[in-house]
C-alpha cells in the first residue's frame, strides 16, 4: 500500500489534462460534407480523452512489473504514443481544413526551395498520400533544416523524431469514406481545395522555421 507521502508525490507528477480543440467548421466545405467532418472530429476528441486516461494510468501504474513480453505498464506506454500522435496530428489536420486552398506566405518559398516547385511538392505529397495507410505529412526536419513529405502507416508507425508537422493529410478511410467510399483521389483533391495556408504559415512563424531553413 502506498504511503501518504508517495500519494503526494504521485499527485505532484500528475499531468494537466489536455483539452480538445473546438471544431471551427460549421458548414459543408468544397468536396467535404459537414456530416463527415463532424464524425471525424469525434474520433479526434476520443484521442484527447484516451491520451488523458492513459497518462493518468501511467502515473499510477506499478513500474516494478515492467517486462518486454507483457506488462500493464508496457501496454500503457505503447498505446500512449498511438493516442498522443493521434491527438496532435488531427489538431493540425483540422486546423488547416477551412481555407481557400490558395498557396501563400513564406511556406511557399520554402517548398519551392526544397522541392523545386509547388507542383513537384504537390505531386510528391499526393504520391505519399496514396502510398501511406494513415498519414501524409509535410514536416520540417531539424536534422537537415528542410521540408520533407513523410508517410506514416499509423499514428505511431513512421513518425520521425525531431520534425514538426506543418501540413497534415489524414488518409485513413474514416477521413473520406462517408463521402467517397474507398475512392481516395477525389478526397485528396478536396483536401487541397480547403487547405488553409495561413494556418501552416503560422506554424512556420511559431517555431521560427524560416530562419532555420535559411541557415
N, C-alpha and C. Protein backbone atom coordinates (compact mmCIF):
# COMPACT_ATOMS: atom_id res chain seq x y z
N UNK A 1 0.84 -1.19 0.00
CA UNK A 1 0.00 0.00 0.00
C UNK A 1 0.88 1.25 0.00
N UNK A 2 0.52 2.22 -0.82
CA UNK A 2 1.32 3.44 -0.89
C UNK A 2 1.16 4.28 0.38
N UNK A 3 2.25 4.93 0.76
CA UNK A 3 2.21 5.82 1.91
C UNK A 3 1.58 7.14 1.48
N UNK A 4 1.23 7.97 2.48
CA UNK A 4 0.67 9.29 2.18
C UNK A 4 1.67 10.12 1.39
N UNK A 5 2.98 9.95 1.73
CA UNK A 5 4.00 10.71 1.02
C UNK A 5 4.06 10.32 -0.45
N UNK A 6 3.95 8.99 -0.74
CA UNK A 6 4.01 8.56 -2.13
C UNK A 6 2.81 9.05 -2.91
N UNK A 7 1.64 9.11 -2.26
CA UNK A 7 0.46 9.63 -2.93
C UNK A 7 0.63 11.12 -3.24
N UNK A 8 1.27 11.85 -2.32
CA UNK A 8 1.52 13.27 -2.56
C UNK A 8 2.47 13.47 -3.74
N UNK A 9 3.50 12.61 -3.83
CA UNK A 9 4.43 12.68 -4.95
C UNK A 9 3.72 12.36 -6.24
N UNK A 10 2.82 11.36 -6.21
CA UNK A 10 2.05 10.98 -7.38
C UNK A 10 1.19 12.15 -7.85
N UNK A 11 0.54 12.81 -6.90
CA UNK A 11 -0.31 13.94 -7.24
C UNK A 11 0.50 15.04 -7.88
N UNK A 12 1.74 15.24 -7.40
CA UNK A 12 2.61 16.28 -7.94
C UNK A 12 2.98 15.99 -9.39
N UNK A 13 3.12 14.69 -9.71
CA UNK A 13 3.53 14.31 -11.06
C UNK A 13 2.38 14.27 -12.06
N UNK A 14 1.16 14.34 -11.58
CA UNK A 14 0.01 14.21 -12.47
C UNK A 14 0.03 15.29 -13.55
N UNK A 15 -0.32 14.88 -14.77
CA UNK A 15 -0.34 15.80 -15.89
C UNK A 15 -1.61 16.65 -15.88
N UNK A 16 -1.48 17.86 -16.34
CA UNK A 16 -2.66 18.67 -16.57
C UNK A 16 -3.38 18.09 -17.78
N UNK A 17 -4.65 17.78 -17.68
CA UNK A 17 -5.35 17.14 -18.80
C UNK A 17 -5.36 18.01 -20.04
N UNK A 18 -5.23 17.36 -21.19
CA UNK A 18 -5.36 18.06 -22.45
C UNK A 18 -6.83 18.36 -22.70
N UNK A 19 -7.09 19.45 -23.38
CA UNK A 19 -8.45 19.80 -23.78
C UNK A 19 -8.55 19.76 -25.30
N UNK A 20 -9.63 19.21 -25.80
CA UNK A 20 -9.81 19.13 -27.24
C UNK A 20 -10.07 20.51 -27.83
N UNK A 21 -9.52 20.75 -29.02
CA UNK A 21 -9.85 21.97 -29.74
C UNK A 21 -11.33 21.98 -30.10
N UNK A 22 -11.85 23.14 -30.39
CA UNK A 22 -13.22 23.26 -30.87
C UNK A 22 -13.24 23.18 -32.39
N UNK A 23 -14.21 22.49 -32.94
CA UNK A 23 -14.35 22.43 -34.38
C UNK A 23 -14.83 23.78 -34.90
N UNK A 24 -14.06 24.39 -35.78
CA UNK A 24 -14.38 25.72 -36.29
C UNK A 24 -15.16 25.67 -37.61
N UNK A 25 -15.40 24.49 -38.11
CA UNK A 25 -16.13 24.32 -39.36
C UNK A 25 -17.60 24.10 -39.03
N UNK A 26 -18.49 24.88 -39.64
CA UNK A 26 -19.91 24.76 -39.32
C UNK A 26 -20.80 24.59 -40.55
N UNK A 27 -20.18 24.29 -41.68
CA UNK A 27 -20.95 24.05 -42.90
C UNK A 27 -20.13 23.17 -43.85
N UNK A 28 -20.79 22.65 -44.87
CA UNK A 28 -20.09 21.85 -45.86
C UNK A 28 -18.94 22.64 -46.46
N UNK A 29 -17.84 21.95 -46.67
CA UNK A 29 -16.71 22.54 -47.36
C UNK A 29 -16.68 22.01 -48.80
N UNK A 30 -15.99 22.67 -49.72
CA UNK A 30 -15.91 22.15 -51.09
C UNK A 30 -15.40 20.70 -51.13
N UNK A 31 -16.28 19.79 -51.49
CA UNK A 31 -15.90 18.38 -51.59
C UNK A 31 -15.91 17.62 -50.28
N UNK A 32 -16.23 18.28 -49.16
CA UNK A 32 -16.23 17.63 -47.84
C UNK A 32 -17.51 18.02 -47.11
N UNK A 33 -18.34 17.05 -46.78
CA UNK A 33 -19.59 17.38 -46.09
C UNK A 33 -19.34 17.62 -44.62
N UNK A 34 -20.15 18.49 -44.04
CA UNK A 34 -20.06 18.77 -42.60
C UNK A 34 -20.31 17.50 -41.80
N UNK A 35 -21.24 16.67 -42.25
CA UNK A 35 -21.55 15.43 -41.56
C UNK A 35 -20.31 14.56 -41.41
N UNK A 36 -19.53 14.43 -42.49
CA UNK A 36 -18.32 13.62 -42.43
C UNK A 36 -17.27 14.26 -41.53
N UNK A 37 -17.11 15.57 -41.64
CA UNK A 37 -16.13 16.28 -40.82
C UNK A 37 -16.47 16.14 -39.34
N UNK A 38 -17.73 16.29 -38.99
CA UNK A 38 -18.15 16.19 -37.59
C UNK A 38 -17.92 14.77 -37.05
N UNK A 39 -18.22 13.77 -37.85
CA UNK A 39 -17.99 12.38 -37.42
C UNK A 39 -16.50 12.13 -37.20
N UNK A 40 -15.68 12.66 -38.10
CA UNK A 40 -14.24 12.52 -37.99
C UNK A 40 -13.71 13.24 -36.75
N UNK A 41 -14.27 14.41 -36.47
CA UNK A 41 -13.81 15.21 -35.33
C UNK A 41 -14.07 14.48 -34.01
N UNK A 42 -15.15 13.71 -33.94
CA UNK A 42 -15.44 12.94 -32.73
C UNK A 42 -14.33 11.92 -32.46
N UNK A 43 -13.75 11.40 -33.54
CA UNK A 43 -12.63 10.47 -33.38
C UNK A 43 -11.44 11.18 -32.74
N UNK A 44 -11.17 12.40 -33.20
CA UNK A 44 -10.10 13.21 -32.60
C UNK A 44 -10.36 13.45 -31.13
N UNK A 45 -11.60 13.81 -30.77
CA UNK A 45 -11.94 14.04 -29.37
C UNK A 45 -11.69 12.79 -28.53
N UNK A 46 -11.92 11.64 -29.14
CA UNK A 46 -11.64 10.39 -28.44
C UNK A 46 -10.16 10.19 -28.16
N UNK A 47 -9.30 10.64 -29.07
CA UNK A 47 -7.86 10.53 -28.85
C UNK A 47 -7.42 11.43 -27.70
N UNK A 48 -8.01 12.61 -27.60
CA UNK A 48 -7.69 13.51 -26.49
C UNK A 48 -8.09 12.84 -25.17
N UNK A 49 -9.28 12.28 -25.14
CA UNK A 49 -9.78 11.63 -23.93
C UNK A 49 -8.89 10.45 -23.54
N UNK A 50 -8.51 9.64 -24.53
CA UNK A 50 -7.69 8.46 -24.24
C UNK A 50 -6.27 8.85 -23.85
N UNK A 51 -5.75 9.94 -24.42
CA UNK A 51 -4.43 10.42 -24.01
C UNK A 51 -4.43 10.76 -22.53
N UNK A 52 -5.44 11.49 -22.10
CA UNK A 52 -5.54 11.84 -20.68
C UNK A 52 -5.69 10.61 -19.81
N UNK A 53 -6.52 9.69 -20.24
CA UNK A 53 -6.76 8.46 -19.46
C UNK A 53 -5.50 7.63 -19.33
N UNK A 54 -4.79 7.45 -20.46
CA UNK A 54 -3.57 6.63 -20.44
C UNK A 54 -2.49 7.28 -19.59
N UNK A 55 -2.30 8.58 -19.73
CA UNK A 55 -1.23 9.24 -18.97
C UNK A 55 -1.54 9.24 -17.48
N UNK A 56 -2.81 9.33 -17.13
CA UNK A 56 -3.18 9.24 -15.71
C UNK A 56 -2.88 7.84 -15.18
N UNK A 57 -3.17 6.82 -15.98
CA UNK A 57 -2.91 5.45 -15.54
C UNK A 57 -1.41 5.17 -15.45
N UNK A 58 -0.63 5.78 -16.36
CA UNK A 58 0.82 5.62 -16.29
C UNK A 58 1.36 6.20 -15.00
N UNK A 59 0.84 7.36 -14.60
CA UNK A 59 1.28 8.00 -13.35
C UNK A 59 1.05 7.08 -12.15
N UNK A 60 -0.02 6.29 -12.20
CA UNK A 60 -0.34 5.45 -11.05
C UNK A 60 0.02 3.99 -11.23
N UNK A 61 0.68 3.65 -12.34
CA UNK A 61 0.98 2.25 -12.64
C UNK A 61 2.13 1.72 -11.80
N UNK A 62 2.14 0.41 -11.63
CA UNK A 62 3.22 -0.28 -10.92
C UNK A 62 4.39 -0.46 -11.88
N UNK A 63 5.44 0.34 -11.70
CA UNK A 63 6.58 0.29 -12.60
C UNK A 63 7.41 -0.98 -12.41
N UNK A 64 7.26 -1.64 -11.27
CA UNK A 64 8.08 -2.81 -10.98
C UNK A 64 7.71 -4.02 -11.84
N UNK A 65 6.53 -4.00 -12.46
CA UNK A 65 6.10 -5.15 -13.26
C UNK A 65 6.56 -5.06 -14.71
N UNK A 66 7.32 -4.02 -15.07
CA UNK A 66 7.75 -3.82 -16.45
C UNK A 66 8.41 -5.07 -17.00
N UNK A 67 8.00 -5.44 -18.23
CA UNK A 67 8.51 -6.65 -18.85
C UNK A 67 8.44 -6.48 -20.36
N UNK A 68 9.44 -7.02 -21.07
CA UNK A 68 9.49 -6.87 -22.52
C UNK A 68 8.47 -7.70 -23.27
N UNK A 69 7.91 -8.73 -22.61
CA UNK A 69 6.91 -9.58 -23.26
C UNK A 69 5.52 -9.01 -23.05
N UNK A 70 5.16 -8.83 -21.79
CA UNK A 70 3.86 -8.22 -21.48
C UNK A 70 3.88 -7.67 -20.06
N UNK A 71 3.34 -6.49 -19.92
CA UNK A 71 3.05 -5.90 -18.61
C UNK A 71 2.06 -4.78 -18.85
N UNK A 72 1.31 -4.44 -17.84
CA UNK A 72 0.33 -3.37 -17.98
C UNK A 72 1.02 -2.04 -18.29
N UNK A 73 2.13 -1.76 -17.59
CA UNK A 73 2.83 -0.51 -17.83
C UNK A 73 3.39 -0.48 -19.25
N UNK A 74 3.82 -1.64 -19.75
CA UNK A 74 4.33 -1.72 -21.11
C UNK A 74 3.26 -1.41 -22.14
N UNK A 75 2.07 -1.96 -21.94
CA UNK A 75 0.97 -1.69 -22.86
C UNK A 75 0.54 -0.23 -22.81
N UNK A 76 0.53 0.34 -21.62
CA UNK A 76 0.19 1.75 -21.48
C UNK A 76 1.19 2.62 -22.23
N UNK A 77 2.47 2.30 -22.11
CA UNK A 77 3.50 3.07 -22.80
C UNK A 77 3.36 2.97 -24.32
N UNK A 78 3.04 1.76 -24.81
CA UNK A 78 2.89 1.58 -26.25
C UNK A 78 1.68 2.34 -26.78
N UNK A 79 0.57 2.25 -26.08
CA UNK A 79 -0.65 2.90 -26.56
C UNK A 79 -0.63 4.42 -26.33
N UNK A 80 0.22 4.87 -25.43
CA UNK A 80 0.35 6.31 -25.22
C UNK A 80 0.82 7.00 -26.50
N UNK A 81 1.80 6.41 -27.19
CA UNK A 81 2.30 7.03 -28.42
C UNK A 81 1.22 7.06 -29.50
N UNK A 82 0.39 6.03 -29.55
CA UNK A 82 -0.70 5.99 -30.53
C UNK A 82 -1.71 7.09 -30.26
N UNK A 83 -2.09 7.24 -29.00
CA UNK A 83 -3.10 8.23 -28.63
C UNK A 83 -2.57 9.66 -28.77
N UNK A 84 -1.36 9.90 -28.29
CA UNK A 84 -0.79 11.25 -28.34
C UNK A 84 -0.60 11.71 -29.78
N UNK A 85 -0.03 10.84 -30.61
CA UNK A 85 0.16 11.22 -32.01
C UNK A 85 -1.17 11.39 -32.73
N UNK A 86 -2.15 10.54 -32.39
CA UNK A 86 -3.48 10.69 -32.97
C UNK A 86 -4.09 12.04 -32.62
N UNK A 87 -3.87 12.48 -31.41
CA UNK A 87 -4.36 13.79 -30.97
C UNK A 87 -3.64 14.91 -31.72
N UNK A 88 -2.33 14.90 -31.73
CA UNK A 88 -1.56 16.00 -32.30
C UNK A 88 -1.74 16.12 -33.81
N UNK A 89 -1.72 15.00 -34.52
CA UNK A 89 -1.84 15.05 -35.97
C UNK A 89 -3.22 15.55 -36.39
N UNK A 90 -4.26 15.11 -35.68
CA UNK A 90 -5.60 15.58 -36.01
C UNK A 90 -5.75 17.08 -35.75
N UNK A 91 -5.06 17.59 -34.75
CA UNK A 91 -5.17 19.02 -34.46
C UNK A 91 -4.63 19.87 -35.60
N UNK A 92 -3.53 19.44 -36.20
CA UNK A 92 -3.00 20.17 -37.35
C UNK A 92 -3.92 19.97 -38.56
N UNK A 93 -4.37 18.75 -38.76
CA UNK A 93 -5.26 18.44 -39.89
C UNK A 93 -6.51 19.31 -39.88
N UNK A 94 -7.23 19.31 -38.77
CA UNK A 94 -8.45 20.10 -38.69
C UNK A 94 -8.15 21.60 -38.66
N UNK A 95 -6.96 21.96 -38.16
CA UNK A 95 -6.60 23.37 -38.09
C UNK A 95 -6.49 24.05 -39.44
N UNK A 96 -6.10 23.29 -40.47
CA UNK A 96 -5.95 23.91 -41.79
C UNK A 96 -6.92 23.35 -42.82
N UNK A 97 -8.10 22.94 -42.35
CA UNK A 97 -9.07 22.34 -43.26
C UNK A 97 -10.18 23.32 -43.66
N UNK A 98 -10.05 24.58 -43.35
CA UNK A 98 -11.11 25.53 -43.68
C UNK A 98 -10.59 26.74 -44.44
N UNK A 99 -9.58 26.51 -45.28
CA UNK A 99 -9.03 27.59 -46.08
C UNK A 99 -9.59 27.61 -47.49
N UNK A 100 -8.94 28.41 -48.36
CA UNK A 100 -9.38 28.50 -49.74
C UNK A 100 -8.44 27.80 -50.71
N UNK A 101 -7.42 27.13 -50.16
CA UNK A 101 -6.50 26.37 -50.99
C UNK A 101 -5.49 27.19 -51.75
N UNK A 102 -5.48 28.49 -51.55
CA UNK A 102 -4.58 29.36 -52.30
C UNK A 102 -3.20 29.42 -51.62
N UNK A 103 -2.16 28.89 -52.29
CA UNK A 103 -0.82 28.92 -51.69
C UNK A 103 -0.33 30.34 -51.44
N UNK A 104 0.24 30.58 -50.27
CA UNK A 104 0.72 31.91 -49.95
C UNK A 104 1.71 31.84 -48.79
N UNK A 105 2.42 32.93 -48.57
CA UNK A 105 3.30 33.05 -47.42
C UNK A 105 4.68 32.47 -47.60
N UNK A 106 5.45 32.51 -46.54
CA UNK A 106 6.84 32.05 -46.57
C UNK A 106 6.95 30.56 -46.85
N UNK A 107 5.93 29.81 -46.47
CA UNK A 107 5.97 28.36 -46.70
C UNK A 107 6.11 28.06 -48.19
N UNK A 108 5.48 28.84 -49.04
CA UNK A 108 5.59 28.63 -50.48
C UNK A 108 7.04 28.73 -50.92
N UNK A 109 7.76 29.75 -50.44
CA UNK A 109 9.17 29.92 -50.81
C UNK A 109 10.01 28.73 -50.31
N UNK A 110 9.70 28.26 -49.10
CA UNK A 110 10.44 27.13 -48.55
C UNK A 110 10.20 25.86 -49.37
N UNK A 111 8.93 25.65 -49.77
CA UNK A 111 8.61 24.49 -50.59
C UNK A 111 9.32 24.57 -51.94
N UNK A 112 9.30 25.73 -52.56
CA UNK A 112 9.94 25.89 -53.86
C UNK A 112 11.45 25.63 -53.78
N UNK A 113 12.04 25.99 -52.66
CA UNK A 113 13.48 25.74 -52.49
C UNK A 113 13.77 24.25 -52.32
N UNK A 114 12.94 23.57 -51.55
CA UNK A 114 13.23 22.17 -51.22
C UNK A 114 12.67 21.16 -52.23
N UNK A 115 11.64 21.56 -52.98
CA UNK A 115 11.02 20.63 -53.94
C UNK A 115 11.08 21.15 -55.38
N UNK A 116 11.77 22.27 -55.61
CA UNK A 116 11.92 22.91 -56.92
C UNK A 116 10.69 23.71 -57.33
N UNK A 117 9.49 23.21 -57.02
CA UNK A 117 8.28 23.95 -57.38
C UNK A 117 7.12 23.45 -56.54
N UNK A 118 6.05 24.24 -56.49
CA UNK A 118 4.84 23.81 -55.80
C UNK A 118 4.25 22.57 -56.45
N UNK A 119 4.29 22.53 -57.76
CA UNK A 119 3.73 21.37 -58.47
C UNK A 119 4.48 20.09 -58.12
N UNK A 120 5.81 20.18 -58.05
CA UNK A 120 6.61 19.00 -57.69
C UNK A 120 6.32 18.56 -56.26
N UNK A 121 6.18 19.55 -55.37
CA UNK A 121 5.84 19.21 -53.99
C UNK A 121 4.49 18.52 -53.91
N UNK A 122 3.48 19.09 -54.59
CA UNK A 122 2.14 18.51 -54.53
C UNK A 122 2.13 17.11 -55.11
N UNK A 123 2.84 16.89 -56.21
CA UNK A 123 2.93 15.55 -56.79
C UNK A 123 3.50 14.56 -55.79
N UNK A 124 4.57 14.99 -55.10
CA UNK A 124 5.19 14.10 -54.12
C UNK A 124 4.27 13.89 -52.91
N UNK A 125 3.55 14.94 -52.51
CA UNK A 125 2.63 14.83 -51.37
C UNK A 125 1.47 13.89 -51.71
N UNK A 126 0.93 14.02 -52.92
CA UNK A 126 -0.16 13.13 -53.34
C UNK A 126 0.34 11.70 -53.45
N UNK A 127 1.53 11.52 -54.00
CA UNK A 127 2.12 10.18 -54.09
C UNK A 127 2.28 9.56 -52.71
N UNK A 128 2.76 10.36 -51.77
CA UNK A 128 2.90 9.89 -50.39
C UNK A 128 1.56 9.52 -49.81
N UNK A 129 0.54 10.33 -50.08
CA UNK A 129 -0.80 10.09 -49.55
C UNK A 129 -1.42 8.82 -50.13
N UNK A 130 -1.11 8.51 -51.37
CA UNK A 130 -1.64 7.29 -51.99
C UNK A 130 -0.93 6.06 -51.44
N UNK A 131 0.35 6.20 -51.15
CA UNK A 131 1.13 5.06 -50.64
C UNK A 131 0.87 4.78 -49.17
N UNK A 132 0.66 5.83 -48.40
CA UNK A 132 0.54 5.68 -46.94
C UNK A 132 -0.80 5.08 -46.55
N UNK A 133 -0.81 4.36 -45.44
CA UNK A 133 -2.04 3.78 -44.90
C UNK A 133 -2.71 4.68 -43.87
N UNK A 134 -1.99 5.72 -43.43
CA UNK A 134 -2.54 6.56 -42.38
C UNK A 134 -2.42 8.05 -42.61
N UNK A 135 -1.19 8.52 -42.90
CA UNK A 135 -0.94 9.95 -42.96
C UNK A 135 0.11 10.30 -44.03
N UNK A 136 -0.07 11.47 -44.62
CA UNK A 136 0.98 12.11 -45.40
C UNK A 136 1.25 13.44 -44.72
N UNK A 137 2.52 13.71 -44.40
CA UNK A 137 2.85 14.85 -43.55
C UNK A 137 3.99 15.65 -44.15
N UNK A 138 3.72 16.92 -44.43
CA UNK A 138 4.81 17.83 -44.76
C UNK A 138 5.40 18.30 -43.44
N UNK A 139 6.65 17.94 -43.19
CA UNK A 139 7.27 18.24 -41.91
C UNK A 139 8.59 18.96 -42.11
N UNK A 140 8.91 19.83 -41.17
CA UNK A 140 10.22 20.48 -41.15
C UNK A 140 11.11 19.64 -40.24
N UNK A 141 12.19 19.12 -40.81
CA UNK A 141 13.09 18.23 -40.08
C UNK A 141 14.32 19.00 -39.63
N UNK A 142 14.58 19.00 -38.33
CA UNK A 142 15.70 19.75 -37.77
C UNK A 142 17.05 19.08 -38.05
N UNK A 143 17.04 17.87 -38.57
CA UNK A 143 18.32 17.20 -38.87
C UNK A 143 19.02 17.88 -40.05
N UNK A 144 18.24 18.28 -41.06
CA UNK A 144 18.84 18.95 -42.20
C UNK A 144 18.21 20.32 -42.48
N UNK A 145 17.30 20.75 -41.58
CA UNK A 145 16.65 22.06 -41.71
C UNK A 145 15.97 22.26 -43.06
N UNK A 146 15.22 21.25 -43.47
CA UNK A 146 14.47 21.36 -44.71
C UNK A 146 13.15 20.61 -44.56
N UNK A 147 12.30 20.82 -45.56
CA UNK A 147 10.98 20.19 -45.56
C UNK A 147 11.03 18.82 -46.23
N UNK A 148 10.22 17.90 -45.68
CA UNK A 148 10.09 16.56 -46.25
C UNK A 148 8.63 16.16 -46.23
N UNK A 149 8.21 15.39 -47.21
CA UNK A 149 6.92 14.72 -47.16
C UNK A 149 7.13 13.32 -46.60
N UNK A 150 6.67 13.09 -45.39
CA UNK A 150 6.82 11.80 -44.76
C UNK A 150 5.50 11.05 -44.76
N UNK A 151 5.56 9.75 -45.03
CA UNK A 151 4.38 8.90 -44.97
C UNK A 151 4.37 8.11 -43.68
N UNK A 152 3.19 7.91 -43.13
CA UNK A 152 3.05 7.18 -41.87
C UNK A 152 1.90 6.19 -41.99
N UNK A 153 2.16 4.94 -41.68
CA UNK A 153 1.13 3.92 -41.79
C UNK A 153 0.19 3.91 -40.60
N UNK A 154 0.62 4.50 -39.51
CA UNK A 154 -0.21 4.57 -38.30
C UNK A 154 0.27 5.76 -37.50
N UNK A 155 -0.50 6.14 -36.47
CA UNK A 155 -0.11 7.29 -35.67
C UNK A 155 1.31 7.15 -35.14
N UNK A 156 1.67 5.96 -34.74
CA UNK A 156 2.99 5.75 -34.14
C UNK A 156 3.85 4.78 -34.97
N UNK A 157 3.58 4.71 -36.26
CA UNK A 157 4.41 3.91 -37.17
C UNK A 157 4.83 4.82 -38.33
N UNK A 158 6.09 5.16 -38.37
CA UNK A 158 6.58 6.04 -39.41
C UNK A 158 6.83 7.46 -38.93
N UNK A 159 6.54 7.73 -37.67
CA UNK A 159 6.81 9.07 -37.13
C UNK A 159 8.32 9.33 -37.13
N UNK A 160 8.70 10.57 -37.43
CA UNK A 160 10.10 10.93 -37.49
C UNK A 160 10.41 11.88 -36.33
N UNK A 161 11.35 11.50 -35.51
CA UNK A 161 11.73 12.34 -34.37
C UNK A 161 12.44 13.60 -34.85
N UNK A 162 12.25 14.68 -34.11
CA UNK A 162 12.93 15.93 -34.43
C UNK A 162 12.38 16.62 -35.65
N UNK A 163 11.09 16.42 -35.92
CA UNK A 163 10.45 17.06 -37.07
C UNK A 163 9.10 17.61 -36.64
N UNK A 164 8.71 18.76 -37.18
CA UNK A 164 7.44 19.40 -36.84
C UNK A 164 6.47 19.30 -38.01
N UNK A 165 5.29 18.72 -37.81
CA UNK A 165 4.29 18.69 -38.87
C UNK A 165 3.82 20.09 -39.22
N UNK A 166 3.84 20.41 -40.51
CA UNK A 166 3.40 21.72 -40.99
C UNK A 166 2.07 21.60 -41.74
N UNK A 167 1.98 20.59 -42.60
CA UNK A 167 0.72 20.25 -43.27
C UNK A 167 0.47 18.77 -43.04
N UNK A 168 -0.71 18.44 -42.55
CA UNK A 168 -1.04 17.05 -42.21
C UNK A 168 -2.25 16.61 -43.00
N UNK A 169 -2.11 15.51 -43.71
CA UNK A 169 -3.18 14.96 -44.54
C UNK A 169 -3.55 13.57 -44.02
N UNK A 170 -4.75 13.45 -43.50
CA UNK A 170 -5.25 12.17 -42.97
C UNK A 170 -5.77 11.34 -44.15
N UNK A 171 -5.19 10.15 -44.35
CA UNK A 171 -5.64 9.30 -45.44
C UNK A 171 -6.21 7.97 -44.95
N UNK A 172 -6.48 7.88 -43.64
CA UNK A 172 -7.27 6.75 -43.17
C UNK A 172 -8.64 6.81 -43.85
N UNK A 173 -9.24 5.66 -44.10
CA UNK A 173 -10.53 5.65 -44.80
C UNK A 173 -11.62 6.41 -44.04
N UNK A 174 -11.50 6.49 -42.71
CA UNK A 174 -12.53 7.23 -41.97
C UNK A 174 -12.55 8.71 -42.33
N UNK A 175 -11.46 9.21 -42.92
CA UNK A 175 -11.39 10.63 -43.27
C UNK A 175 -12.19 10.96 -44.52
N UNK A 176 -12.56 9.93 -45.31
CA UNK A 176 -13.24 10.23 -46.58
C UNK A 176 -14.32 9.23 -46.99
N UNK A 177 -14.42 8.08 -46.29
CA UNK A 177 -15.31 7.01 -46.75
C UNK A 177 -16.78 7.44 -46.78
N UNK A 178 -17.20 8.28 -45.86
CA UNK A 178 -18.61 8.70 -45.81
C UNK A 178 -19.00 9.45 -47.08
N UNK A 179 -18.07 10.21 -47.64
CA UNK A 179 -18.34 10.98 -48.85
C UNK A 179 -17.92 10.26 -50.13
N UNK A 180 -16.84 9.48 -50.05
CA UNK A 180 -16.24 8.94 -51.27
C UNK A 180 -16.09 7.42 -51.29
N UNK A 181 -16.57 6.73 -50.29
CA UNK A 181 -16.36 5.29 -50.25
C UNK A 181 -14.88 4.98 -50.12
N UNK A 182 -14.37 4.14 -51.01
CA UNK A 182 -12.95 3.80 -50.96
C UNK A 182 -12.14 4.57 -52.00
N UNK A 183 -12.74 5.55 -52.63
CA UNK A 183 -12.08 6.32 -53.67
C UNK A 183 -11.32 7.49 -53.04
N UNK A 184 -10.03 7.33 -52.88
CA UNK A 184 -9.23 8.30 -52.16
C UNK A 184 -8.88 9.54 -52.98
N UNK A 185 -8.69 9.40 -54.28
CA UNK A 185 -8.17 10.50 -55.09
C UNK A 185 -9.04 11.76 -55.07
N UNK A 186 -10.39 11.65 -55.23
CA UNK A 186 -11.18 12.89 -55.16
C UNK A 186 -11.14 13.54 -53.80
N UNK A 187 -10.95 12.74 -52.75
CA UNK A 187 -10.79 13.31 -51.41
C UNK A 187 -9.50 14.12 -51.33
N UNK A 188 -8.43 13.63 -51.95
CA UNK A 188 -7.18 14.37 -51.95
C UNK A 188 -7.35 15.71 -52.67
N UNK A 189 -8.09 15.71 -53.77
CA UNK A 189 -8.37 16.96 -54.47
C UNK A 189 -9.12 17.93 -53.56
N UNK A 190 -10.10 17.42 -52.83
CA UNK A 190 -10.89 18.26 -51.93
C UNK A 190 -10.02 18.81 -50.80
N UNK A 191 -9.10 17.99 -50.30
CA UNK A 191 -8.22 18.45 -49.22
C UNK A 191 -7.44 19.69 -49.65
N UNK A 192 -6.84 19.64 -50.83
CA UNK A 192 -6.03 20.77 -51.28
C UNK A 192 -6.89 22.00 -51.58
N UNK A 193 -8.14 21.81 -51.97
CA UNK A 193 -9.04 22.93 -52.20
C UNK A 193 -9.38 23.65 -50.90
N UNK A 194 -9.31 22.94 -49.79
CA UNK A 194 -9.68 23.50 -48.48
C UNK A 194 -8.49 23.84 -47.60
N UNK A 195 -7.29 23.66 -48.12
CA UNK A 195 -6.08 23.85 -47.31
C UNK A 195 -5.89 25.31 -46.93
N UNK A 196 -5.77 25.56 -45.65
CA UNK A 196 -5.54 26.91 -45.13
C UNK A 196 -4.04 27.13 -44.99
N UNK A 197 -3.46 27.80 -45.98
CA UNK A 197 -2.02 28.05 -45.96
C UNK A 197 -1.64 29.02 -44.86
N UNK A 198 -2.56 29.86 -44.45
CA UNK A 198 -2.29 30.77 -43.35
C UNK A 198 -2.00 30.02 -42.06
N UNK A 199 -2.78 28.96 -41.81
CA UNK A 199 -2.56 28.14 -40.61
C UNK A 199 -1.17 27.50 -40.66
N UNK A 200 -0.80 26.97 -41.82
CA UNK A 200 0.52 26.35 -41.96
C UNK A 200 1.62 27.38 -41.78
N UNK A 201 1.42 28.58 -42.32
CA UNK A 201 2.43 29.64 -42.16
C UNK A 201 2.57 30.08 -40.71
N UNK A 202 1.49 29.98 -39.95
CA UNK A 202 1.57 30.30 -38.52
C UNK A 202 2.48 29.31 -37.78
N UNK A 203 2.47 28.06 -38.22
CA UNK A 203 3.39 27.07 -37.63
C UNK A 203 4.83 27.45 -37.96
N UNK A 204 5.07 27.86 -39.19
CA UNK A 204 6.40 28.31 -39.59
C UNK A 204 6.87 29.46 -38.70
N UNK A 205 5.98 30.40 -38.45
CA UNK A 205 6.31 31.57 -37.63
C UNK A 205 6.50 31.19 -36.17
N UNK A 206 5.61 30.35 -35.65
CA UNK A 206 5.66 29.99 -34.23
C UNK A 206 6.98 29.34 -33.85
N UNK A 207 7.51 28.50 -34.74
CA UNK A 207 8.74 27.78 -34.42
C UNK A 207 9.96 28.39 -35.10
N UNK A 208 9.81 29.58 -35.68
CA UNK A 208 10.91 30.29 -36.34
C UNK A 208 11.62 29.40 -37.36
N UNK A 209 10.82 28.70 -38.15
CA UNK A 209 11.39 27.73 -39.09
C UNK A 209 12.03 28.38 -40.30
N UNK A 210 11.58 29.58 -40.66
CA UNK A 210 12.17 30.24 -41.82
C UNK A 210 13.64 30.53 -41.59
N UNK A 211 13.97 31.01 -40.40
CA UNK A 211 15.37 31.31 -40.09
C UNK A 211 16.22 30.04 -40.09
N UNK A 212 15.68 28.97 -39.54
CA UNK A 212 16.41 27.69 -39.53
C UNK A 212 16.56 27.14 -40.94
N UNK A 213 15.53 27.35 -41.74
CA UNK A 213 15.55 26.86 -43.13
C UNK A 213 16.62 27.57 -43.93
N UNK A 214 16.86 28.82 -43.63
CA UNK A 214 17.85 29.61 -44.38
C UNK A 214 19.27 29.34 -43.92
N UNK A 215 19.44 28.71 -42.77
CA UNK A 215 20.79 28.52 -42.21
C UNK A 215 21.53 27.40 -42.92
